[in-house]
C-alpha atoms as a PDB file:
ATOM      1  CA  UNK A   1      16.599 -28.574  13.001  1.00  0.00           C
ATOM      2  CA  UNK A   2      14.062 -30.419  13.490  1.00  0.00           C
ATOM      3  CA  UNK A   3      10.800 -30.156  10.777  1.00  0.00           C
ATOM      4  CA  UNK A   4       8.809 -30.417  13.623  1.00  0.00           C
ATOM      5  CA  UNK A   5      10.177 -27.091  15.640  1.00  0.00           C
ATOM      6  CA  UNK A   6      10.389 -25.343  12.429  1.00  0.00           C
ATOM      7  CA  UNK A   7       7.086 -25.089  11.564  1.00  0.00           C
ATOM      8  CA  UNK A   8       6.197 -24.556  15.249  1.00  0.00           C
ATOM      9  CA  UNK A   9       8.339 -21.713  16.064  1.00  0.00           C
ATOM     10  CA  UNK A  10       9.682 -19.990  12.490  1.00  0.00           C
ATOM     11  CA  UNK A  11       7.539 -18.725   9.847  1.00  0.00           C
ATOM     12  CA  UNK A  12       8.582 -19.610   6.406  1.00  0.00           C
ATOM     13  CA  UNK A  13       8.755 -16.543   4.421  1.00  0.00           C
ATOM     14  CA  UNK A  14       8.079 -16.890   1.009  1.00  0.00           C
ATOM     15  CA  UNK A  15       9.850 -14.399  -1.154  1.00  0.00           C
ATOM     16  CA  UNK A  16       9.739 -16.557  -4.510  1.00  0.00           C
ATOM     17  CA  UNK A  17       9.191 -20.390  -5.924  1.00  0.00           C
ATOM     18  CA  UNK A  18      13.380 -20.760  -4.837  1.00  0.00           C
ATOM     19  CA  UNK A  19      13.339 -18.560  -1.837  1.00  0.00           C
ATOM     20  CA  UNK A  20      12.816 -19.099   1.365  1.00  0.00           C
ATOM     21  CA  UNK A  21      13.350 -16.587   4.860  1.00  0.00           C
ATOM     22  CA  UNK A  22      12.301 -18.060   8.464  1.00  0.00           C
ATOM     23  CA  UNK A  23      10.896 -15.355  10.152  1.00  0.00           C
ATOM     24  CA  UNK A  24      11.307 -16.732  14.629  1.00  0.00           C
ATOM     25  CA  UNK A  25       8.285 -16.671  15.958  1.00  0.00           C
ATOM     26  CA  UNK A  26       8.989 -15.769  19.691  1.00  0.00           C
ATOM     27  CA  UNK A  27       5.100 -15.074  20.549  1.00  0.00           C
ATOM     28  CA  UNK A  28       2.006 -15.964  18.681  1.00  0.00           C
ATOM     29  CA  UNK A  29      -0.197 -13.294  19.486  1.00  0.00           C
ATOM     30  CA  UNK A  30      -3.202 -13.896  17.292  1.00  0.00           C
ATOM     31  CA  UNK A  31      -3.474 -16.618  14.973  1.00  0.00           C
ATOM     32  CA  UNK A  32      -7.662 -17.217  12.883  1.00  0.00           C
ATOM     33  CA  UNK A  33      -8.839 -18.128   9.915  1.00  0.00           C
ATOM     34  CA  UNK A  34     -11.549 -15.505   8.668  1.00  0.00           C
ATOM     35  CA  UNK A  35     -13.735 -16.195   6.127  1.00  0.00           C
ATOM     36  CA  UNK A  36     -11.741 -14.449   3.506  1.00  0.00           C
ATOM     37  CA  UNK A  37      -7.778 -15.359   4.909  1.00  0.00           C
ATOM     38  CA  UNK A  38      -5.874 -16.917   7.301  1.00  0.00           C
ATOM     39  CA  UNK A  39      -4.634 -13.942   9.918  1.00  0.00           C
ATOM     40  CA  UNK A  40      -1.372 -14.528  11.751  1.00  0.00           C
ATOM     41  CA  UNK A  41       0.133 -11.626  14.344  1.00  0.00           C
ATOM     42  CA  UNK A  42       3.160 -12.684  15.806  1.00  0.00           C
ATOM     43  CA  UNK A  43       6.398 -10.886  17.962  1.00  0.00           C
ATOM     44  CA  UNK A  44       9.946 -11.335  16.444  1.00  0.00           C
ATOM     45  CA  UNK A  45      12.850  -9.939  18.933  1.00  0.00           C
ATOM     46  CA  UNK A  46      13.885  -8.264  15.501  1.00  0.00           C
ATOM     47  CA  UNK A  47      11.497  -7.242  14.088  1.00  0.00           C
ATOM     48  CA  UNK A  48       8.266  -6.294  16.567  1.00  0.00           C
ATOM     49  CA  UNK A  49       5.852  -7.228  15.642  1.00  0.00           C
ATOM     50  CA  UNK A  50       4.277  -9.015  12.234  1.00  0.00           C
ATOM     51  CA  UNK A  51       0.973  -9.291  10.680  1.00  0.00           C
ATOM     52  CA  UNK A  52       1.202 -11.945   7.908  1.00  0.00           C
ATOM     53  CA  UNK A  53      -1.727 -13.071   5.774  1.00  0.00           C
ATOM     54  CA  UNK A  54      -2.075 -15.974   4.136  1.00  0.00           C
ATOM     55  CA  UNK A  55       1.997 -16.950   4.698  1.00  0.00           C
ATOM     56  CA  UNK A  56       2.935 -13.656   2.918  1.00  0.00           C
ATOM     57  CA  UNK A  57       4.335 -10.873   5.257  1.00  0.00           C
ATOM     58  CA  UNK A  58       2.597  -7.742   5.288  1.00  0.00           C
ATOM     59  CA  UNK A  59       4.071  -5.362   7.475  1.00  0.00           C
ATOM     60  CA  UNK A  60       6.398  -5.878  10.853  1.00  0.00           C
ATOM     61  CA  UNK A  61       6.855  -2.716  13.529  1.00  0.00           C
ATOM     62  CA  UNK A  62      10.784  -2.143  12.307  1.00  0.00           C
ATOM     63  CA  UNK A  63       9.709  -1.155   8.975  1.00  0.00           C
ATOM     64  CA  UNK A  64       6.050  -0.385   8.252  1.00  0.00           C
ATOM     65  CA  UNK A  65       6.798   3.126   8.857  1.00  0.00           C
ATOM     66  CA  UNK A  66       8.706   3.327   5.246  1.00  0.00           C
ATOM     67  CA  UNK A  67       5.836   1.703   3.023  1.00  0.00           C
ATOM     68  CA  UNK A  68       2.759   3.608   4.420  1.00  0.00           C
ATOM     69  CA  UNK A  69       4.843   6.739   4.265  1.00  0.00           C
ATOM     70  CA  UNK A  70       5.809   5.696   0.727  1.00  0.00           C
ATOM     71  CA  UNK A  71       2.085   4.436   0.208  1.00  0.00           C
ATOM     72  CA  UNK A  72       0.473   8.224   1.203  1.00  0.00           C
ATOM     73  CA  UNK A  73       2.296  11.015   0.703  1.00  0.00           C
ATOM     74  CA  UNK A  74       3.590  11.463  -2.625  1.00  0.00           C
ATOM     75  CA  UNK A  75       0.299  11.298  -3.265  1.00  0.00           C
ATOM     76  CA  UNK A  76      -1.354  13.482  -0.773  1.00  0.00           C
ATOM     77  CA  UNK A  77       1.444  15.876  -0.664  1.00  0.00           C
ATOM     78  CA  UNK A  78       1.024  15.740  -5.146  1.00  0.00           C
ATOM     79  CA  UNK A  79      -2.805  16.994  -4.608  1.00  0.00           C
ATOM     80  CA  UNK A  80      -3.064  20.732  -3.481  1.00  0.00           C
ATOM     81  CA  UNK A  81      -5.430  19.839  -0.893  1.00  0.00           C
ATOM     82  CA  UNK A  82      -6.710  16.531  -0.407  1.00  0.00           C
ATOM     83  CA  UNK A  83     -10.013  16.416   1.640  1.00  0.00           C
ATOM     84  CA  UNK A  84     -11.708  13.037   0.668  1.00  0.00           C
ATOM     85  CA  UNK A  85      -9.717  10.120   0.441  1.00  0.00           C
ATOM     86  CA  UNK A  86     -10.626   6.484  -0.014  1.00  0.00           C
ATOM     87  CA  UNK A  87      -8.654   3.326   1.627  1.00  0.00           C
ATOM     88  CA  UNK A  88      -9.049   0.640  -0.275  1.00  0.00           C
ATOM     89  CA  UNK A  89      -7.337  -2.380   1.851  1.00  0.00           C
ATOM     90  CA  UNK A  90      -5.512  -1.778   4.810  1.00  0.00           C
ATOM     91  CA  UNK A  91      -7.500  -3.168   7.218  1.00  0.00           C
ATOM     92  CA  UNK A  92      -4.325  -2.498   9.759  1.00  0.00           C
ATOM     93  CA  UNK A  93      -4.361   1.263   9.875  1.00  0.00           C
ATOM     94  CA  UNK A  94      -0.768   1.674   8.691  1.00  0.00           C
ATOM     95  CA  UNK A  95      -2.512   3.602   5.591  1.00  0.00           C
ATOM     96  CA  UNK A  96      -5.285   5.408   7.672  1.00  0.00           C
ATOM     97  CA  UNK A  97      -2.636   7.004   9.892  1.00  0.00           C
ATOM     98  CA  UNK A  98      -0.526   8.709   7.552  1.00  0.00           C
ATOM     99  CA  UNK A  99      -3.486   9.848   5.371  1.00  0.00           C
ATOM    100  CA  UNK A 100      -5.223  11.239   8.814  1.00  0.00           C
ATOM    101  CA  UNK A 101      -1.744  12.989   9.219  1.00  0.00           C
ATOM    102  CA  UNK A 102      -2.936  15.768   6.767  1.00  0.00           C
ATOM    103  CA  UNK A 103      -5.289  18.425   8.544  1.00  0.00           C
ATOM    104  CA  UNK A 104      -6.885  19.340   5.184  1.00  0.00           C
ATOM    105  CA  UNK A 105      -7.973  15.621   4.802  1.00  0.00           C
ATOM    106  CA  UNK A 106     -12.211  16.029   5.974  1.00  0.00           C
ATOM    107  CA  UNK A 107     -13.059  12.312   5.391  1.00  0.00           C
ATOM    108  CA  UNK A 108     -11.732   9.419   4.997  1.00  0.00           C
ATOM    109  CA  UNK A 109     -13.294   5.588   3.951  1.00  0.00           C
ATOM    110  CA  UNK A 110     -11.910   2.610   4.430  1.00  0.00           C
ATOM    111  CA  UNK A 111     -13.132  -0.060   3.279  1.00  0.00           C
ATOM    112  CA  UNK A 112     -11.353  -3.458   4.118  1.00  0.00           C
ATOM    113  CA  UNK A 113     -13.274  -6.964   3.198  1.00  0.00           C
ATOM    114  CA  UNK A 114     -12.264  -8.277   6.048  1.00  0.00           C
ATOM    115  CA  UNK A 115     -13.738  -7.216   9.913  1.00  0.00           C
ATOM    116  CA  UNK A 116     -11.793  -9.740  11.517  1.00  0.00           C
ATOM    117  CA  UNK A 117      -8.397  -8.466  10.193  1.00  0.00           C
ATOM    118  CA  UNK A 118      -9.273  -4.650  11.146  1.00  0.00           C
ATOM    119  CA  UNK A 119     -10.600  -5.694  14.443  1.00  0.00           C
ATOM    120  CA  UNK A 120      -7.312  -7.827  14.981  1.00  0.00           C
ATOM    121  CA  UNK A 121      -5.264  -5.003  14.097  1.00  0.00           C
ATOM    122  CA  UNK A 122      -7.586  -2.247  15.673  1.00  0.00           C
ATOM    123  CA  UNK A 123      -6.337  -4.477  19.612  1.00  0.00           C
ATOM    124  CA  UNK A 124      -3.213  -5.890  18.864  1.00  0.00           C
ATOM    125  CA  UNK A 125      -1.311  -3.214  16.507  1.00  0.00           C
ATOM    126  CA  UNK A 126      -1.311   0.363  18.106  1.00  0.00           C
ATOM    127  CA  UNK A 127       1.738   0.764  17.356  1.00  0.00           C
ATOM    128  CA  UNK A 128       0.853   0.674  13.722  1.00  0.00           C
ATOM    129  CA  UNK A 129      -2.811   2.224  13.900  1.00  0.00           C
ATOM    130  CA  UNK A 130      -2.290   4.995  16.431  1.00  0.00           C
ATOM    131  CA  UNK A 131      -5.411   5.572  17.489  1.00  0.00           C
ATOM    132  CA  UNK A 132      -6.402   6.108  13.658  1.00  0.00           C
ATOM    133  CA  UNK A 133      -9.080   3.999  13.898  1.00  0.00           C
ATOM    134  CA  UNK A 134     -10.805   5.882  16.592  1.00  0.00           C
ATOM    135  CA  UNK A 135     -10.672   9.399  14.612  1.00  0.00           C
ATOM    136  CA  UNK A 136     -14.090  10.867  14.006  1.00  0.00           C
ATOM    137  CA  UNK A 137     -12.613  11.342   9.907  1.00  0.00           C
ATOM    138  CA  UNK A 138     -12.902   7.598   9.396  1.00  0.00           C
ATOM    139  CA  UNK A 139     -16.013   6.079   7.511  1.00  0.00           C
ATOM    140  CA  UNK A 140     -15.519   1.693   7.947  1.00  0.00           C
ATOM    141  CA  UNK A 141     -17.150  -0.280   5.228  1.00  0.00           C
ATOM    142  CA  UNK A 142     -16.700  -4.164   5.527  1.00  0.00           C
ATOM    143  CA  UNK A 143     -17.515  -5.202   1.508  1.00  0.00           C
ATOM    144  CA  UNK A 144     -15.553  -5.303  -1.093  1.00  0.00           C
ATOM    145  CA  UNK A 145     -13.576  -2.509  -3.294  1.00  0.00           C
ATOM    146  CA  UNK A 146     -15.249  -3.008  -6.277  1.00  0.00           C
ATOM    147  CA  UNK A 147     -18.201  -3.027  -5.364  1.00  0.00           C
ATOM    148  CA  UNK A 148     -17.587   0.102  -3.246  1.00  0.00           C
ATOM    149  CA  UNK A 149     -16.697   1.725  -6.258  1.00  0.00           C
ATOM    150  CA  UNK A 150     -19.508   0.981  -8.364  1.00  0.00           C
ATOM    151  CA  UNK A 151     -21.021   3.063  -6.185  1.00  0.00           C
ATOM    152  CA  UNK A 152     -18.706   5.559  -4.324  1.00  0.00           C
ATOM    153  CA  UNK A 153     -20.788   8.352  -1.470  1.00  0.00           C
ATOM    154  CA  UNK A 154     -18.876  10.610  -3.519  1.00  0.00           C
ATOM    155  CA  UNK A 155     -15.732  11.294  -5.692  1.00  0.00           C
ATOM    156  CA  UNK A 156     -12.584  10.965  -4.131  1.00  0.00           C
ATOM    157  CA  UNK A 157      -9.289  13.461  -4.371  1.00  0.00           C
ATOM    158  CA  UNK A 158      -7.207  10.409  -3.478  1.00  0.00           C
ATOM    159  CA  UNK A 159      -7.628   6.672  -3.571  1.00  0.00           C
ATOM    160  CA  UNK A 160      -5.209   4.611  -2.057  1.00  0.00           C
ATOM    161  CA  UNK A 161      -5.569   1.283  -2.191  1.00  0.00           C
ATOM    162  CA  UNK A 162      -3.267  -0.977  -0.255  1.00  0.00           C
ATOM    163  CA  UNK A 163      -4.271  -4.643  -0.865  1.00  0.00           C
ATOM    164  CA  UNK A 164      -2.469  -7.832  -0.494  1.00  0.00           C
ATOM    165  CA  UNK A 165       0.209  -9.428  -2.775  1.00  0.00           C
ATOM    166  CA  UNK A 166      -0.979  -9.208  -6.011  1.00  0.00           C
ATOM    167  CA  UNK A 167       0.467 -12.519  -7.176  1.00  0.00           C
ATOM    168  CA  UNK A 168      -2.068 -14.537  -4.953  1.00  0.00           C
ATOM    169  CA  UNK A 169      -4.489 -14.027  -2.434  1.00  0.00           C
ATOM    170  CA  UNK A 170      -8.147 -12.942  -2.271  1.00  0.00           C
ATOM    171  CA  UNK A 171      -6.916  -9.209  -3.399  1.00  0.00           C
ATOM    172  CA  UNK A 172      -5.607 -10.345  -7.015  1.00  0.00           C
ATOM    173  CA  UNK A 173      -8.909  -9.482  -8.543  1.00  0.00           C
ATOM    174  CA  UNK A 174      -8.755  -6.038  -7.666  1.00  0.00           C
ATOM    175  CA  UNK A 175      -5.354  -5.813  -9.815  1.00  0.00           C
ATOM    176  CA  UNK A 176      -7.790  -5.953 -12.695  1.00  0.00           C
ATOM    177  CA  UNK A 177      -8.443  -3.089 -15.580  1.00  0.00           C
ATOM    178  CA  UNK A 178     -12.274  -2.949 -14.710  1.00  0.00           C
ATOM    179  CA  UNK A 179     -11.716  -2.623 -11.229  1.00  0.00           C
ATOM    180  CA  UNK A 180      -8.885   0.439 -12.431  1.00  0.00           C
ATOM    181  CA  UNK A 181     -11.378   1.729 -14.367  1.00  0.00           C
ATOM    182  CA  UNK A 182     -14.096   2.107 -12.058  1.00  0.00           C
ATOM    183  CA  UNK A 183     -11.736   4.050  -9.433  1.00  0.00           C
ATOM    184  CA  UNK A 184     -10.535   6.072 -12.396  1.00  0.00           C
ATOM    185  CA  UNK A 185     -14.674   6.970 -12.061  1.00  0.00           C
ATOM    186  CA  UNK A 186     -14.226   7.746  -8.768  1.00  0.00           C
ATOM    187  CA  UNK A 187     -11.746  10.678  -8.319  1.00  0.00           C
ATOM    188  CA  UNK A 188     -12.308  13.813  -8.967  1.00  0.00           C
ATOM    189  CA  UNK A 189     -10.931  15.419 -12.044  1.00  0.00           C
ATOM    190  CA  UNK A 190      -7.495  16.152 -10.297  1.00  0.00           C
ATOM    191  CA  UNK A 191      -7.130  13.573  -8.143  1.00  0.00           C
ATOM    192  CA  UNK A 192      -4.510  10.381  -7.866  1.00  0.00           C
ATOM    193  CA  UNK A 193      -4.443   6.999  -7.266  1.00  0.00           C
ATOM    194  CA  UNK A 194      -1.652   5.480  -5.464  1.00  0.00           C
ATOM    195  CA  UNK A 195      -0.595   1.597  -5.184  1.00  0.00           C
ATOM    196  CA  UNK A 196       1.625  -0.906  -4.537  1.00  0.00           C
ATOM    197  CA  UNK A 197       2.046  -3.064  -7.192  1.00  0.00           C
ATOM    198  CA  UNK A 198       4.784  -5.646  -5.738  1.00  0.00           C
ATOM    199  CA  UNK A 199       8.140  -7.054  -6.085  1.00  0.00           C
ATOM    200  CA  UNK A 200      10.609  -5.021  -7.952  1.00  0.00           C
ATOM    201  CA  UNK A 201      12.529  -8.193  -8.601  1.00  0.00           C
ATOM    202  CA  UNK A 202      11.192 -11.774  -7.705  1.00  0.00           C
ATOM    203  CA  UNK A 203       6.750 -10.542  -8.705  1.00  0.00           C
ATOM    204  CA  UNK A 204       8.621  -9.494 -11.837  1.00  0.00           C
ATOM    205  CA  UNK A 205       9.781 -12.794 -13.331  1.00  0.00           C
ATOM    206  CA  UNK A 206       6.734 -15.058 -11.871  1.00  0.00           C
ATOM    207  CA  UNK A 207       4.141 -12.859 -12.846  1.00  0.00           C
ATOM    208  CA  UNK A 208       5.162  -9.517 -14.055  1.00  0.00           C
ATOM    209  CA  UNK A 209       2.591  -7.388 -11.684  1.00  0.00           C
ATOM    210  CA  UNK A 210       4.553  -3.835 -11.805  1.00  0.00           C
ATOM    211  CA  UNK A 211       4.478  -4.101 -15.410  1.00  0.00           C
ATOM    212  CA  UNK A 212       0.606  -5.496 -16.062  1.00  0.00           C
ATOM    213  CA  UNK A 213      -0.035  -2.884 -13.501  1.00  0.00           C
ATOM    214  CA  UNK A 214       1.308  -0.200 -14.762  1.00  0.00           C
ATOM    215  CA  UNK A 215      -0.144  -1.419 -18.566  1.00  0.00           C
ATOM    216  CA  UNK A 216      -3.227  -1.150 -17.643  1.00  0.00           C
ATOM    217  CA  UNK A 217      -2.704   2.652 -15.665  1.00  0.00           C
ATOM    218  CA  UNK A 218      -1.296   3.845 -18.824  1.00  0.00           C
ATOM    219  CA  UNK A 219      -4.084   2.552 -20.604  1.00  0.00           C
ATOM    220  CA  UNK A 220      -6.633   4.753 -18.393  1.00  0.00           C
ATOM    221  CA  UNK A 221      -4.656   7.906 -16.927  1.00  0.00           C
ATOM    222  CA  UNK A 222      -2.389  10.000 -18.761  1.00  0.00           C
ATOM    223  CA  UNK A 223       0.013  10.301 -16.255  1.00  0.00           C
ATOM    224  CA  UNK A 224       1.231   6.939 -14.330  1.00  0.00           C
ATOM    225  CA  UNK A 225       4.374   7.856 -12.670  1.00  0.00           C
ATOM    226  CA  UNK A 226       5.915   3.862 -10.907  1.00  0.00           C
ATOM    227  CA  UNK A 227       8.813   4.146  -8.560  1.00  0.00           C
ATOM    228  CA  UNK A 228      10.525   2.177  -6.350  1.00  0.00           C
ATOM    229  CA  UNK A 229      11.617   1.794  -2.308  1.00  0.00           C
ATOM    230  CA  UNK A 230      13.704  -0.525  -0.530  1.00  0.00           C
ATOM    231  CA  UNK A 231      11.607  -2.410   2.443  1.00  0.00           C
ATOM    232  CA  UNK A 232      13.828  -4.728   3.899  1.00  0.00           C
ATOM    233  CA  UNK A 233      11.072  -6.788   5.961  1.00  0.00           C
ATOM    234  CA  UNK A 234       9.963  -7.602   2.059  1.00  0.00           C
ATOM    235  CA  UNK A 235      13.370  -9.146   1.106  1.00  0.00           C
ATOM    236  CA  UNK A 236      13.145  -6.792  -1.858  1.00  0.00           C
ATOM    237  CA  UNK A 237      13.050  -3.367  -4.211  1.00  0.00           C
ATOM    238  CA  UNK A 238       9.518  -3.053  -3.799  1.00  0.00           C
ATOM    239  CA  UNK A 239       6.873  -1.057  -6.798  1.00  0.00           C
ATOM    240  CA  UNK A 240       4.653   1.394  -6.044  1.00  0.00           C
ATOM    241  CA  UNK A 241       2.549   3.296  -9.488  1.00  0.00           C
ATOM    242  CA  UNK A 242       1.039   6.785  -8.994  1.00  0.00           C
ATOM    243  CA  UNK A 243      -1.356   7.458 -11.543  1.00  0.00           C
ATOM    244  CA  UNK A 244      -3.547  11.079 -12.039  1.00  0.00           C
ATOM    245  CA  UNK A 245      -5.704  12.673 -14.868  1.00  0.00           C
ATOM    246  CA  UNK A 246      -4.058  16.184 -13.946  1.00  0.00           C
ATOM    247  CA  UNK A 247      -1.731  16.083 -11.667  1.00  0.00           C
ATOM    248  CA  UNK A 248       1.909  15.309 -11.776  1.00  0.00           C
ATOM    249  CA  UNK A 249       4.032  13.873  -8.963  1.00  0.00           C
ATOM    250  CA  UNK A 250       7.796  15.162 -11.118  1.00  0.00           C
ATOM    251  CA  UNK A 251       6.529  19.177 -11.961  1.00  0.00           C
ATOM    252  CA  UNK A 252       5.608  19.627  -7.743  1.00  0.00           C
ATOM    253  CA  UNK A 253       8.002  21.785  -7.106  1.00  0.00           C
ATOM    254  CA  UNK A 254      10.716  20.688  -3.798  1.00  0.00           C
ATOM    255  CA  UNK A 255       9.608  24.896  -2.492  1.00  0.00           C
ATOM    256  CA  UNK A 256       5.513  23.893  -3.151  1.00  0.00           C
ATOM    257  CA  UNK A 257       6.033  20.564  -1.361  1.00  0.00           C
ATOM    258  CA  UNK A 258       8.526  21.742   1.346  1.00  0.00           C
ATOM    259  CA  UNK A 259       5.324  24.471   1.873  1.00  0.00           C
ATOM    260  CA  UNK A 260       2.844  22.142   1.863  1.00  0.00           C
ATOM    261  CA  UNK A 261       4.236  20.343   4.261  1.00  0.00           C
ATOM    262  CA  UNK A 262       4.843  23.207   6.513  1.00  0.00           C
ATOM    263  CA  UNK A 263       1.494  24.448   6.134  1.00  0.00           C
ATOM    264  CA  UNK A 264       0.235  20.671   7.429  1.00  0.00           C
ATOM    265  CA  UNK A 265       2.641  20.131  10.532  1.00  0.00           C
ATOM    266  CA  UNK A 266       3.745  17.114   9.308  1.00  0.00           C
ATOM    267  CA  UNK A 267       6.138  15.591  10.642  1.00  0.00           C
ATOM    268  CA  UNK A 268       7.774  12.109   8.843  1.00  0.00           C
ATOM    269  CA  UNK A 269       9.982   9.141   9.551  1.00  0.00           C
ATOM    270  CA  UNK A 270      10.663   8.401   5.435  1.00  0.00           C
ATOM    271  CA  UNK A 271       9.607  10.634   3.307  1.00  0.00           C
ATOM    272  CA  UNK A 272      10.707  14.333   2.684  1.00  0.00           C
ATOM    273  CA  UNK A 273      10.283  17.217  -0.052  1.00  0.00           C
ATOM    274  CA  UNK A 274      13.703  16.250  -1.473  1.00  0.00           C
ATOM    275  CA  UNK A 275      13.327  11.998  -1.467  1.00  0.00           C
ATOM    276  CA  UNK A 276       9.995  13.103  -3.284  1.00  0.00           C
ATOM    277  CA  UNK A 277      10.820  14.059  -6.751  1.00  0.00           C
ATOM    278  CA  UNK A 278      13.789  11.017  -5.897  1.00  0.00           C
ATOM    279  CA  UNK A 279      11.421   8.438  -5.455  1.00  0.00           C
ATOM    280  CA  UNK A 280      10.655   8.508  -9.307  1.00  0.00           C
ATOM    281  CA  UNK A 281      13.762   8.343 -10.304  1.00  0.00           C
ATOM    282  CA  UNK A 282      13.858   4.671 -11.611  1.00  0.00           C
ATOM    283  CA  UNK A 283      17.518   2.354 -12.476  1.00  0.00           C
ATOM    284  CA  UNK A 284      18.385   1.069 -15.943  1.00  0.00           C
ATOM    285  CA  UNK A 285      16.445  -2.389 -15.503  1.00  0.00           C
ATOM    286  CA  UNK A 286      13.362  -1.132 -14.453  1.00  0.00           C
ATOM    287  CA  UNK A 287      12.827   1.742 -17.171  1.00  0.00           C
ATOM    288  CA  UNK A 288      13.750  -0.662 -19.918  1.00  0.00           C
ATOM    289  CA  UNK A 289      10.975  -2.475 -18.783  1.00  0.00           C
ATOM    290  CA  UNK A 290       8.110  -0.222 -18.269  1.00  0.00           C
ATOM    291  CA  UNK A 291       9.055   1.648 -21.429  1.00  0.00           C
ATOM    292  CA  UNK A 292       8.419  -2.127 -23.402  1.00  0.00           C
ATOM    293  CA  UNK A 293       5.533  -2.472 -21.446  1.00  0.00           C
ATOM    294  CA  UNK A 294       4.508   1.023 -22.745  1.00  0.00           C
ATOM    295  CA  UNK A 295       4.676  -0.254 -26.198  1.00  0.00           C
ATOM    296  CA  UNK A 296       2.621  -3.082 -25.985  1.00  0.00           C
ATOM    297  CA  UNK A 297       0.108  -1.595 -24.358  1.00  0.00           C
END
């Protein structure tokens, strides 16, 4: 394969320093350098539409619902009645779509610094946002998430942090103790935070983002629960973290989860009440890493 053909017709996904994957670009739908980042949207015959920011895959149509359901529903079903939600990042609208499935949610602030990303996803990724951008419960703010949390309009029952990878890019500064302190201050006493913390396999070795995020959160919150989800298009097990001042996802019974799901009339493809508790059952290597981090925090 010639180098020119490779660069023109394929996306090179750098999973780690020594691991690259190739995704065929069957049709390039969008390519633009915004004020903040390089954004591409293309079609792949196997994966469907693909959103890439600064060369990192943010989602693919084939399995984005796994990621977004895993980010949103464990947190929002842990809360008995979440009505005020903030999403930091999430410009593709996938997390917004899932949050709005909860009829008890009356207000969502979508805070994404890059207006051009939101507008491109609104036009080109209706399969992802599902019309959620037009829901009257949504308020859009295009500013830095840290600035938003420094002076939030009110306190939130849920803060969903849906940023690009913590190991590189403009979101790196938001994976920090000052940012999480602002998030904690912006929560109600029974509020929950949910976030993705990067690869459980590769980022750990090349900059241990899951452990760093866990260490920061455990220094701020009495309850911090890591969980793992397999995301095929990300090429790895993916780490998520949930934190709260009061609510523990492991103490919500299956009966309560089933009741909440039925009352809210929510249909999912990945999340179930049975899966809820299983998500937080971690393999030995991960438990050992978090135990070390906890001792050192």
